[in-house]
Amino acid sequence: MCRNITELRGLEPAATDEEIEAAARQYVRKVSGIRKPNDATRDAFELAIAEIAHATAHLLEAVPERRQPPPTLPPLRRPEVQARIAARHSHPHEAVASVD
């Protein structure tokens, strides 16, 4: 199992679409060996993520509830990750000046 994919079943509150997509993205990165898709691979990469996220959402709806929550908190629910995301959105990358 990919160590970067967090268990989503049994979360309280239930896994969000964003968390399901993040898990799907990690899975596709792992099996494809592509971290950042280029123009030639982007469509196939994003389609695979959408299909896996869709299947994952159906799976989570269909399986019985867990008796105990998963042992680890999904990254998107961790305060330090939320802080990094907020900082990234509040300070967008500045354009790099060209050197002549």
PDB file of N, CA and C in Angstrom:
ATOM      1  N   MET A   1       0.843  -1.178   0.000  1.00  0.00           N
ATOM      2  CA  MET A   1       0.000   0.000   0.000  1.00  0.00           C
ATOM      3  C   MET A   1       0.888   1.241   0.000  1.00  0.00           C
ATOM      4  N   CYS A   2       0.489   2.249  -0.717  1.00  0.00           N
ATOM      5  CA  CYS A   2       1.233   3.500  -0.761  1.00  0.00           C
ATOM      6  C   CYS A   2       1.116   4.196   0.583  1.00  0.00           C
ATOM      7  N   ARG A   3       2.212   4.529   1.176  1.00  0.00           N
ATOM      8  CA  ARG A   3       2.166   5.111   2.512  1.00  0.00           C
ATOM      9  C   ARG A   3       1.576   6.512   2.520  1.00  0.00           C
ATOM     10  N   ASN A   4       1.489   7.181   1.376  1.00  0.00           N
ATOM     11  CA  ASN A   4       0.940   8.524   1.316  1.00  0.00           C
ATOM     12  C   ASN A   4      -0.579   8.553   1.194  1.00  0.00           C
ATOM     13  N   ILE A   5      -1.202   7.434   0.965  1.00  0.00           N
ATOM     14  CA  ILE A   5      -2.650   7.403   0.840  1.00  0.00           C
ATOM     15  C   ILE A   5      -3.237   7.067   2.203  1.00  0.00           C
ATOM     16  N   THR A   6      -4.008   7.987   2.744  1.00  0.00           N
ATOM     17  CA  THR A   6      -4.585   7.847   4.072  1.00  0.00           C
ATOM     18  C   THR A   6      -5.903   7.102   4.003  1.00  0.00           C
ATOM     19  N   GLU A   7      -6.177   6.307   5.015  1.00  0.00           N
ATOM     20  CA  GLU A   7      -7.469   5.620   5.094  1.00  0.00           C
ATOM     21  C   GLU A   7      -8.573   6.659   5.243  1.00  0.00           C
ATOM     22  N   LEU A   8      -9.600   6.545   4.433  1.00  0.00           N
ATOM     23  CA  LEU A   8     -10.708   7.495   4.464  1.00  0.00           C
ATOM     24  C   LEU A   8     -11.960   6.922   5.106  1.00  0.00           C
ATOM     25  N   ARG A   9     -12.053   5.624   5.156  1.00  0.00           N
ATOM     26  CA  ARG A   9     -13.234   4.983   5.731  1.00  0.00           C
ATOM     27  C   ARG A   9     -13.262   5.197   7.240  1.00  0.00           C
ATOM     28  N   GLY A  10     -14.390   5.648   7.748  1.00  0.00           N
ATOM     29  CA  GLY A  10     -14.570   5.801   9.175  1.00  0.00           C
ATOM     30  C   GLY A  10     -14.235   7.174   9.720  1.00  0.00           C
ATOM     31  N   LEU A  11     -13.910   8.118   8.849  1.00  0.00           N
ATOM     32  CA  LEU A  11     -13.609   9.465   9.329  1.00  0.00           C
ATOM     33  C   LEU A  11     -14.875  10.133   9.844  1.00  0.00           C
ATOM     34  N   GLU A  12     -14.702  10.952  10.856  1.00  0.00           N
ATOM     35  CA  GLU A  12     -15.794  11.767  11.385  1.00  0.00           C
ATOM     36  C   GLU A  12     -15.351  13.211  11.374  1.00  0.00           C
ATOM     37  N   PRO A  13     -15.966  14.073  10.611  1.00  0.00           N
ATOM     38  CA  PRO A  13     -17.022  13.798   9.642  1.00  0.00           C
ATOM     39  C   PRO A  13     -16.469  12.992   8.467  1.00  0.00           C
ATOM     40  N   ALA A  14     -17.377  12.489   7.657  1.00  0.00           N
ATOM     41  CA  ALA A  14     -17.000  11.622   6.535  1.00  0.00           C
ATOM     42  C   ALA A  14     -16.018  12.329   5.600  1.00  0.00           C
ATOM     43  N   ALA A  15     -15.272  11.523   4.863  1.00  0.00           N
ATOM     44  CA  ALA A  15     -14.288  12.056   3.914  1.00  0.00           C
ATOM     45  C   ALA A  15     -14.964  13.009   2.933  1.00  0.00           C
ATOM     46  N   THR A  16     -14.286  14.114   2.682  1.00  0.00           N
ATOM     47  CA  THR A  16     -14.801  15.101   1.734  1.00  0.00           C
ATOM     48  C   THR A  16     -14.398  14.725   0.315  1.00  0.00           C
ATOM     49  N   ASP A  17     -15.031  15.367  -0.658  1.00  0.00           N
ATOM     50  CA  ASP A  17     -14.647  15.149  -2.055  1.00  0.00           C
ATOM     51  C   ASP A  17     -13.184  15.527  -2.273  1.00  0.00           C
ATOM     52  N   GLU A  18     -12.730  16.583  -1.597  1.00  0.00           N
ATOM     53  CA  GLU A  18     -11.343  17.021  -1.722  1.00  0.00           C
ATOM     54  C   GLU A  18     -10.384  15.953  -1.193  1.00  0.00           C
ATOM     55  N   GLU A  19     -10.717  15.324  -0.074  1.00  0.00           N
ATOM     56  CA  GLU A  19      -9.868  14.268   0.493  1.00  0.00           C
ATOM     57  C   GLU A  19      -9.867  13.030  -0.398  1.00  0.00           C
ATOM     58  N   ILE A  20     -11.016  12.707  -0.962  1.00  0.00           N
ATOM     59  CA  ILE A  20     -11.099  11.558  -1.870  1.00  0.00           C
ATOM     60  C   ILE A  20     -10.267  11.824  -3.122  1.00  0.00           C
ATOM     61  N   GLU A  21     -10.351  13.038  -3.663  1.00  0.00           N
ATOM     62  CA  GLU A  21      -9.561  13.372  -4.849  1.00  0.00           C
ATOM     63  C   GLU A  21      -8.070  13.364  -4.536  1.00  0.00           C
ATOM     64  N   ALA A  22      -7.685  13.850  -3.365  1.00  0.00           N
ATOM     65  CA  ALA A  22      -6.269  13.849  -2.987  1.00  0.00           C
ATOM     66  C   ALA A  22      -5.730  12.420  -2.916  1.00  0.00           C
ATOM     67  N   ALA A  23      -6.520  11.505  -2.362  1.00  0.00           N
ATOM     68  CA  ALA A  23      -6.101  10.097  -2.296  1.00  0.00           C
ATOM     69  C   ALA A  23      -5.988   9.510  -3.702  1.00  0.00           C
ATOM     70  N   ALA A  24      -6.953   9.837  -4.565  1.00  0.00           N
ATOM     71  CA  ALA A  24      -6.915   9.348  -5.949  1.00  0.00           C
ATOM     72  C   ALA A  24      -5.680   9.888  -6.674  1.00  0.00           C
ATOM     73  N   ARG A  25      -5.370  11.158  -6.443  1.00  0.00           N
ATOM     74  CA  ARG A  25      -4.197  11.774  -7.076  1.00  0.00           C
ATOM     75  C   ARG A  25      -2.912  11.080  -6.626  1.00  0.00           C
ATOM     76  N   GLN A  26      -2.806  10.779  -5.332  1.00  0.00           N
ATOM     77  CA  GLN A  26      -1.624  10.071  -4.831  1.00  0.00           C
ATOM     78  C   GLN A  26      -1.504   8.687  -5.473  1.00  0.00           C
ATOM     79  N   TYR A  27      -2.632   8.004  -5.598  1.00  0.00           N
ATOM     80  CA  TYR A  27      -2.627   6.677  -6.210  1.00  0.00           C
ATOM     81  C   TYR A  27      -2.152   6.755  -7.667  1.00  0.00           C
ATOM     82  N   VAL A  28      -2.704   7.691  -8.423  1.00  0.00           N
ATOM     83  CA  VAL A  28      -2.339   7.819  -9.843  1.00  0.00           C
ATOM     84  C   VAL A  28      -0.863   8.204  -9.980  1.00  0.00           C
ATOM     85  N   ARG A  29      -0.392   9.090  -9.118  1.00  0.00           N
ATOM     86  CA  ARG A  29       1.039   9.441  -9.152  1.00  0.00           C
ATOM     87  C   ARG A  29       1.904   8.209  -8.917  1.00  0.00           C
ATOM     88  N   LYS A  30       1.508   7.392  -7.947  1.00  0.00           N
ATOM     89  CA  LYS A  30       2.305   6.220  -7.592  1.00  0.00           C
ATOM     90  C   LYS A  30       2.336   5.202  -8.733  1.00  0.00           C
ATOM     91  N   VAL A  31       1.161   4.839  -9.257  1.00  0.00           N
ATOM     92  CA  VAL A  31       1.143   3.779 -10.275  1.00  0.00           C
ATOM     93  C   VAL A  31       1.670   4.251 -11.623  1.00  0.00           C
ATOM     94  N   SER A  32       1.542   5.550 -11.920  1.00  0.00           N
ATOM     95  CA  SER A  32       2.019   6.038 -13.222  1.00  0.00           C
ATOM     96  C   SER A  32       3.484   6.450 -13.178  1.00  0.00           C
ATOM     97  N   GLY A  33       3.981   6.766 -11.986  1.00  0.00           N
ATOM     98  CA  GLY A  33       5.344   7.269 -11.886  1.00  0.00           C
ATOM     99  C   GLY A  33       5.465   8.710 -12.344  1.00  0.00           C
ATOM    100  N   ILE A  34       4.330   9.376 -12.513  1.00  0.00           N
ATOM    101  CA  ILE A  34       4.317  10.765 -12.977  1.00  0.00           C
ATOM    102  C   ILE A  34       3.899  11.654 -11.816  1.00  0.00           C
ATOM    103  N   ARG A  35       4.789  12.540 -11.418  1.00  0.00           N
ATOM    104  CA  ARG A  35       4.464  13.461 -10.318  1.00  0.00           C
ATOM    105  C   ARG A  35       3.720  14.686 -10.824  1.00  0.00           C
ATOM    106  N   LYS A  36       4.238  15.260 -11.908  1.00  0.00           N
ATOM    107  CA  LYS A  36       3.600  16.425 -12.516  1.00  0.00           C
ATOM    108  C   LYS A  36       3.375  16.123 -13.990  1.00  0.00           C
ATOM    109  N   PRO A  37       2.129  15.948 -14.398  1.00  0.00           N
ATOM    110  CA  PRO A  37       1.871  15.616 -15.802  1.00  0.00           C
ATOM    111  C   PRO A  37       2.240  16.773 -16.731  1.00  0.00           C
ATOM    112  N   ASN A  38       2.653  16.414 -17.926  1.00  0.00           N
ATOM    113  CA  ASN A  38       2.932  17.426 -18.948  1.00  0.00           C
ATOM    114  C   ASN A  38       1.757  17.450 -19.920  1.00  0.00           C
ATOM    115  N   ASP A  39       1.871  18.217 -20.981  1.00  0.00           N
ATOM    116  CA  ASP A  39       0.770  18.338 -21.942  1.00  0.00           C
ATOM    117  C   ASP A  39       0.387  16.999 -22.561  1.00  0.00           C
ATOM    118  N   ALA A  40       1.358  16.112 -22.743  1.00  0.00           N
ATOM    119  CA  ALA A  40       1.091  14.812 -23.370  1.00  0.00           C
ATOM    120  C   ALA A  40       0.365  13.847 -22.429  1.00  0.00           C
ATOM    121  N   THR A  41       0.528  14.030 -21.120  1.00  0.00           N
ATOM    122  CA  THR A  41      -0.053  13.073 -20.165  1.00  0.00           C
ATOM    123  C   THR A  41      -1.192  13.652 -19.326  1.00  0.00           C
ATOM    124  N   ARG A  42      -1.390  14.969 -19.369  1.00  0.00           N
ATOM    125  CA  ARG A  42      -2.346  15.634 -18.473  1.00  0.00           C
ATOM    126  C   ARG A  42      -3.769  15.079 -18.589  1.00  0.00           C
ATOM    127  N   ASP A  43      -4.299  14.920 -19.796  1.00  0.00           N
ATOM    128  CA  ASP A  43      -5.682  14.457 -19.955  1.00  0.00           C
ATOM    129  C   ASP A  43      -5.878  13.053 -19.381  1.00  0.00           C
ATOM    130  N   ALA A  44      -4.973  12.144 -19.699  1.00  0.00           N
ATOM    131  CA  ALA A  44      -5.078  10.777 -19.178  1.00  0.00           C
ATOM    132  C   ALA A  44      -4.924  10.765 -17.658  1.00  0.00           C
ATOM    133  N   PHE A  45      -4.019  11.569 -17.146  1.00  0.00           N
ATOM    134  CA  PHE A  45      -3.755  11.667 -15.710  1.00  0.00           C
ATOM    135  C   PHE A  45      -5.010  12.159 -14.975  1.00  0.00           C
ATOM    136  N   GLU A  46      -5.592  13.258 -15.436  1.00  0.00           N
ATOM    137  CA  GLU A  46      -6.773  13.835 -14.782  1.00  0.00           C
ATOM    138  C   GLU A  46      -7.998  12.926 -14.921  1.00  0.00           C
ATOM    139  N   LEU A  47      -8.134  12.250 -16.068  1.00  0.00           N
ATOM    140  CA  LEU A  47      -9.239  11.307 -16.238  1.00  0.00           C
ATOM    141  C   LEU A  47      -9.111  10.151 -15.259  1.00  0.00           C
ATOM    142  N   ALA A  48      -7.910   9.626 -15.090  1.00  0.00           N
ATOM    143  CA  ALA A  48      -7.692   8.536 -14.143  1.00  0.00           C
ATOM    144  C   ALA A  48      -8.031   8.983 -12.724  1.00  0.00           C
ATOM    145  N   ILE A  49      -7.638  10.194 -12.350  1.00  0.00           N
ATOM    146  CA  ILE A  49      -7.953  10.712 -11.015  1.00  0.00           C
ATOM    147  C   ILE A  49      -9.463  10.796 -10.824  1.00  0.00           C
ATOM    148  N   ALA A  50     -10.169  11.335 -11.804  1.00  0.00           N
ATOM    149  CA  ALA A  50     -11.627  11.468 -11.702  1.00  0.00           C
ATOM    150  C   ALA A  50     -12.303  10.106 -11.572  1.00  0.00           C
ATOM    151  N   GLU A  51     -11.857   9.139 -12.375  1.00  0.00           N
ATOM    152  CA  GLU A  51     -12.473   7.805 -12.324  1.00  0.00           C
ATOM    153  C   GLU A  51     -12.188   7.109 -10.998  1.00  0.00           C
ATOM    154  N   ILE A  52     -10.985   7.227 -10.495  1.00  0.00           N
ATOM    155  CA  ILE A  52     -10.633   6.584  -9.224  1.00  0.00           C
ATOM    156  C   ILE A  52     -11.352   7.266  -8.065  1.00  0.00           C
ATOM    157  N   ALA A  53     -11.452   8.591  -8.109  1.00  0.00           N
ATOM    158  CA  ALA A  53     -12.179   9.313  -7.057  1.00  0.00           C
ATOM    159  C   ALA A  53     -13.656   8.902  -7.057  1.00  0.00           C
ATOM    160  N   HIS A  54     -14.234   8.758  -8.230  1.00  0.00           N
ATOM    161  CA  HIS A  54     -15.634   8.334  -8.356  1.00  0.00           C
ATOM    162  C   HIS A  54     -15.821   6.935  -7.767  1.00  0.00           C
ATOM    163  N   ALA A  55     -14.953   6.017  -8.147  1.00  0.00           N
ATOM    164  CA  ALA A  55     -15.042   4.649  -7.625  1.00  0.00           C
ATOM    165  C   ALA A  55     -14.815   4.621  -6.110  1.00  0.00           C
ATOM    166  N   THR A  56     -13.905   5.445  -5.622  1.00  0.00           N
ATOM    167  CA  THR A  56     -13.626   5.500  -4.188  1.00  0.00           C
ATOM    168  C   THR A  56     -14.835   6.006  -3.416  1.00  0.00           C
ATOM    169  N   ALA A  57     -15.491   7.041  -3.924  1.00  0.00           N
ATOM    170  CA  ALA A  57     -16.690   7.571  -3.263  1.00  0.00           C
ATOM    171  C   ALA A  57     -17.767   6.495  -3.172  1.00  0.00           C
ATOM    172  N   HIS A  58     -17.959   5.733  -4.246  1.00  0.00           N
ATOM    173  CA  HIS A  58     -18.948   4.643  -4.233  1.00  0.00           C
ATOM    174  C   HIS A  58     -18.549   3.557  -3.242  1.00  0.00           C
ATOM    175  N   LEU A  59     -17.277   3.231  -3.193  1.00  0.00           N
ATOM    176  CA  LEU A  59     -16.790   2.221  -2.253  1.00  0.00           C
ATOM    177  C   LEU A  59     -17.055   2.655  -0.813  1.00  0.00           C
ATOM    178  N   LEU A  60     -16.722   3.898  -0.493  1.00  0.00           N
ATOM    179  CA  LEU A  60     -16.921   4.380   0.873  1.00  0.00           C
ATOM    180  C   LEU A  60     -18.394   4.401   1.271  1.00  0.00           C
ATOM    181  N   GLU A  61     -19.270   4.630   0.312  1.00  0.00           N
ATOM    182  CA  GLU A  61     -20.712   4.591   0.582  1.00  0.00           C
ATOM    183  C   GLU A  61     -21.199   3.161   0.801  1.00  0.00           C
ATOM    184  N   ALA A  62     -20.572   2.207   0.141  1.00  0.00           N
ATOM    185  CA  ALA A  62     -21.068   0.830   0.140  1.00  0.00           C
ATOM    186  C   ALA A  62     -20.563  -0.032   1.296  1.00  0.00           C
ATOM    187  N   VAL A  63     -19.365   0.244   1.793  1.00  0.00           N
ATOM    188  CA  VAL A  63     -18.804  -0.608   2.844  1.00  0.00           C
ATOM    189  C   VAL A  63     -19.371  -0.211   4.209  1.00  0.00           C
ATOM    190  N   PRO A  64     -19.453  -1.186   5.130  1.00  0.00           N
ATOM    191  CA  PRO A  64     -19.992  -0.858   6.457  1.00  0.00           C
ATOM    192  C   PRO A  64     -19.077   0.113   7.208  1.00  0.00           C
ATOM    193  N   GLU A  65     -19.669   0.797   8.174  1.00  0.00           N
ATOM    194  CA  GLU A  65     -18.904   1.742   8.980  1.00  0.00           C
ATOM    195  C   GLU A  65     -17.866   1.012   9.811  1.00  0.00           C
ATOM    196  N   ARG A  66     -16.799   1.709  10.120  1.00  0.00           N
ATOM    197  CA  ARG A  66     -15.743   1.157  10.980  1.00  0.00           C
ATOM    198  C   ARG A  66     -16.164   1.261  12.432  1.00  0.00           C
ATOM    199  N   ARG A  67     -15.655   0.379  13.251  1.00  0.00           N
ATOM    200  CA  ARG A  67     -15.920   0.450  14.689  1.00  0.00           C
ATOM    201  C   ARG A  67     -15.034   1.487  15.357  1.00  0.00           C
ATOM    202  N   GLN A  68     -13.863   1.708  14.772  1.00  0.00           N
ATOM    203  CA  GLN A  68     -12.932   2.701  15.290  1.00  0.00           C
ATOM    204  C   GLN A  68     -12.479   3.577  14.132  1.00  0.00           C
ATOM    205  N   PRO A  69     -12.160   4.832  14.408  1.00  0.00           N
ATOM    206  CA  PRO A  69     -11.660   5.685  13.326  1.00  0.00           C
ATOM    207  C   PRO A  69     -10.294   5.216  12.854  1.00  0.00           C
ATOM    208  N   PRO A  70      -9.879   5.634  11.660  1.00  0.00           N
ATOM    209  CA  PRO A  70      -8.546   5.270  11.172  1.00  0.00           C
ATOM    210  C   PRO A  70      -7.473   5.781  12.135  1.00  0.00           C
ATOM    211  N   PRO A  71      -6.310   5.133  12.162  1.00  0.00           N
ATOM    212  CA  PRO A  71      -5.261   5.506  13.109  1.00  0.00           C
ATOM    213  C   PRO A  71      -4.587   6.844  12.815  1.00  0.00           C
ATOM    214  N   THR A  72      -4.675   7.330  11.581  1.00  0.00           N
ATOM    215  CA  THR A  72      -4.024   8.593  11.238  1.00  0.00           C
ATOM    216  C   THR A  72      -5.035   9.575  10.678  1.00  0.00           C
ATOM    217  N   LEU A  73      -4.783  10.843  10.893  1.00  0.00           N
ATOM    218  CA  LEU A  73      -5.623  11.911  10.397  1.00  0.00           C
ATOM    219  C   LEU A  73      -5.210  12.230   8.964  1.00  0.00           C
ATOM    220  N   PRO A  74      -6.177  12.362   8.034  1.00  0.00           N
ATOM    221  CA  PRO A  74      -5.809  12.699   6.660  1.00  0.00           C
ATOM    222  C   PRO A  74      -5.045  14.027   6.613  1.00  0.00           C
ATOM    223  N   PRO A  75      -4.078  14.144   5.719  1.00  0.00           N
ATOM    224  CA  PRO A  75      -3.270  15.364   5.653  1.00  0.00           C
ATOM    225  C   PRO A  75      -4.099  16.638   5.539  1.00  0.00           C
ATOM    226  N   LEU A  76      -5.172  16.621   4.757  1.00  0.00           N
ATOM    227  CA  LEU A  76      -5.948  17.841   4.572  1.00  0.00           C
ATOM    228  C   LEU A  76      -6.665  18.275   5.848  1.00  0.00           C
ATOM    229  N   ARG A  77      -6.696  17.423   6.878  1.00  0.00           N
ATOM    230  CA  ARG A  77      -7.316  17.785   8.154  1.00  0.00           C
ATOM    231  C   ARG A  77      -6.292  18.197   9.198  1.00  0.00           C
ATOM    232  N   ARG A  78      -5.012  18.112   8.881  1.00  0.00           N
ATOM    233  CA  ARG A  78      -3.964  18.454   9.843  1.00  0.00           C
ATOM    234  C   ARG A  78      -3.753  19.970   9.866  1.00  0.00           C
ATOM    235  N   PRO A  79      -3.664  20.560  11.058  1.00  0.00           N
ATOM    236  CA  PRO A  79      -3.508  22.014  11.157  1.00  0.00           C
ATOM    237  C   PRO A  79      -2.295  22.561  10.400  1.00  0.00           C
ATOM    238  N   GLU A  80      -1.170  21.849  10.439  1.00  0.00           N
ATOM    239  CA  GLU A  80       0.024  22.351   9.760  1.00  0.00           C
ATOM    240  C   GLU A  80      -0.147  22.364   8.243  1.00  0.00           C
ATOM    241  N   VAL A  81      -0.894  21.395   7.721  1.00  0.00           N
ATOM    242  CA  VAL A  81      -1.157  21.362   6.277  1.00  0.00           C
ATOM    243  C   VAL A  81      -2.125  22.480   5.910  1.00  0.00           C
ATOM    244  N   GLN A  82      -3.150  22.675   6.726  1.00  0.00           N
ATOM    245  CA  GLN A  82      -4.100  23.761   6.492  1.00  0.00           C
ATOM    246  C   GLN A  82      -3.375  25.111   6.500  1.00  0.00           C
ATOM    247  N   ALA A  83      -2.423  25.286   7.398  1.00  0.00           N
ATOM    248  CA  ALA A  83      -1.663  26.536   7.461  1.00  0.00           C
ATOM    249  C   ALA A  83      -0.835  26.742   6.193  1.00  0.00           C
ATOM    250  N   ARG A  84      -0.195  25.673   5.694  1.00  0.00           N
ATOM    251  CA  ARG A  84       0.587  25.786   4.452  1.00  0.00           C
ATOM    252  C   ARG A  84      -0.297  26.136   3.268  1.00  0.00           C
ATOM    253  N   ILE A  85      -1.469  25.514   3.200  1.00  0.00           N
ATOM    254  CA  ILE A  85      -2.408  25.793   2.098  1.00  0.00           C
ATOM    255  C   ILE A  85      -2.866  27.241   2.175  1.00  0.00           C
ATOM    256  N   ALA A  86      -3.220  27.710   3.366  1.00  0.00           N
ATOM    257  CA  ALA A  86      -3.670  29.090   3.538  1.00  0.00           C
ATOM    258  C   ALA A  86      -2.566  30.076   3.162  1.00  0.00           C
ATOM    259  N   ALA A  87      -1.330  29.782   3.569  1.00  0.00           N
ATOM    260  CA  ALA A  87      -0.211  30.657   3.240  1.00  0.00           C
ATOM    261  C   ALA A  87       0.038  30.699   1.739  1.00  0.00           C
ATOM    262  N   ARG A  88      -0.083  29.560   1.103  1.00  0.00           N
ATOM    263  CA  ARG A  88       0.125  29.488  -0.345  1.00  0.00           C
ATOM    264  C   ARG A  88      -0.905  30.328  -1.082  1.00  0.00           C
ATOM    265  N   HIS A  89      -2.155  30.314  -0.599  1.00  0.00           N
ATOM    266  CA  HIS A  89      -3.219  31.065  -1.259  1.00  0.00           C
ATOM    267  C   HIS A  89      -3.169  32.554  -0.925  1.00  0.00           C
ATOM    268  N   SER A  90      -2.616  32.919   0.225  1.00  0.00           N
ATOM    269  CA  SER A  90      -2.558  34.331   0.591  1.00  0.00           C
ATOM    270  C   SER A  90      -1.328  35.032   0.003  1.00  0.00           C
ATOM    271  N   HIS A  91      -0.318  34.267  -0.388  1.00  0.00           N
ATOM    272  CA  HIS A  91       0.907  34.840  -0.985  1.00  0.00           C
ATOM    273  C   HIS A  91       1.189  34.148  -2.309  1.00  0.00           C
ATOM    274  N   PRO A  92       0.415  34.481  -3.352  1.00  0.00           N
ATOM    275  CA  PRO A  92       0.665  33.830  -4.649  1.00  0.00           C
ATOM    276  C   PRO A  92       2.069  34.143  -5.147  1.00  0.00           C
ATOM    277  N   HIS A  93       2.579  33.244  -5.958  1.00  0.00           N
ATOM    278  CA  HIS A  93       3.941  33.398  -6.485  1.00  0.00           C
ATOM    279  C   HIS A  93       4.032  34.691  -7.265  1.00  0.00           C
ATOM    280  N   GLU A  94       5.076  35.433  -6.983  1.00  0.00           N
ATOM    281  CA  GLU A  94       5.308  36.674  -7.710  1.00  0.00           C
ATOM    282  C   GLU A  94       6.029  36.357  -9.009  1.00  0.00           C
ATOM    283  N   ALA A  95       5.772  37.185  -9.990  1.00  0.00           N
ATOM    284  CA  ALA A  95       6.431  36.981 -11.282  1.00  0.00           C
ATOM    285  C   ALA A  95       7.923  37.208 -11.127  1.00  0.00           C
ATOM    286  N   VAL A  96       8.704  36.392 -11.785  1.00  0.00           N
ATOM    287  CA  VAL A  96      10.149  36.513 -11.729  1.00  0.00           C
ATOM    288  C   VAL A  96      10.589  37.475 -12.802  1.00  0.00           C
ATOM    289  N   ALA A  97      11.336  38.500 -12.418  1.00  0.00           N
ATOM    290  CA  ALA A  97      11.821  39.497 -13.380  1.00  0.00           C
ATOM    291  C   ALA A  97      12.913  38.874 -14.248  1.00  0.00           C
ATOM    292  N   SER A  98      12.870  39.185 -15.495  1.00  0.00           N
ATOM    293  CA  SER A  98      13.897  38.655 -16.391  1.00  0.00           C
ATOM    294  C   SER A  98      15.160  39.478 -16.282  1.00  0.00           C
ATOM    295  N   VAL A  99      16.294  38.813 -16.421  1.00  0.00           N
ATOM    296  CA  VAL A  99      17.584  39.465 -16.349  1.00  0.00           C
ATOM    297  C   VAL A  99      18.118  39.600 -17.759  1.00  0.00           C
ATOM    298  N   ASP A 100      18.455  40.824 -18.137  1.00  0.00           N
ATOM    299  CA  ASP A 100      18.980  41.059 -19.500  1.00  0.00           C
ATOM    300  C   ASP A 100      20.471  41.045 -19.526  1.00  0.00           C
TER     301      ASP A 100
END
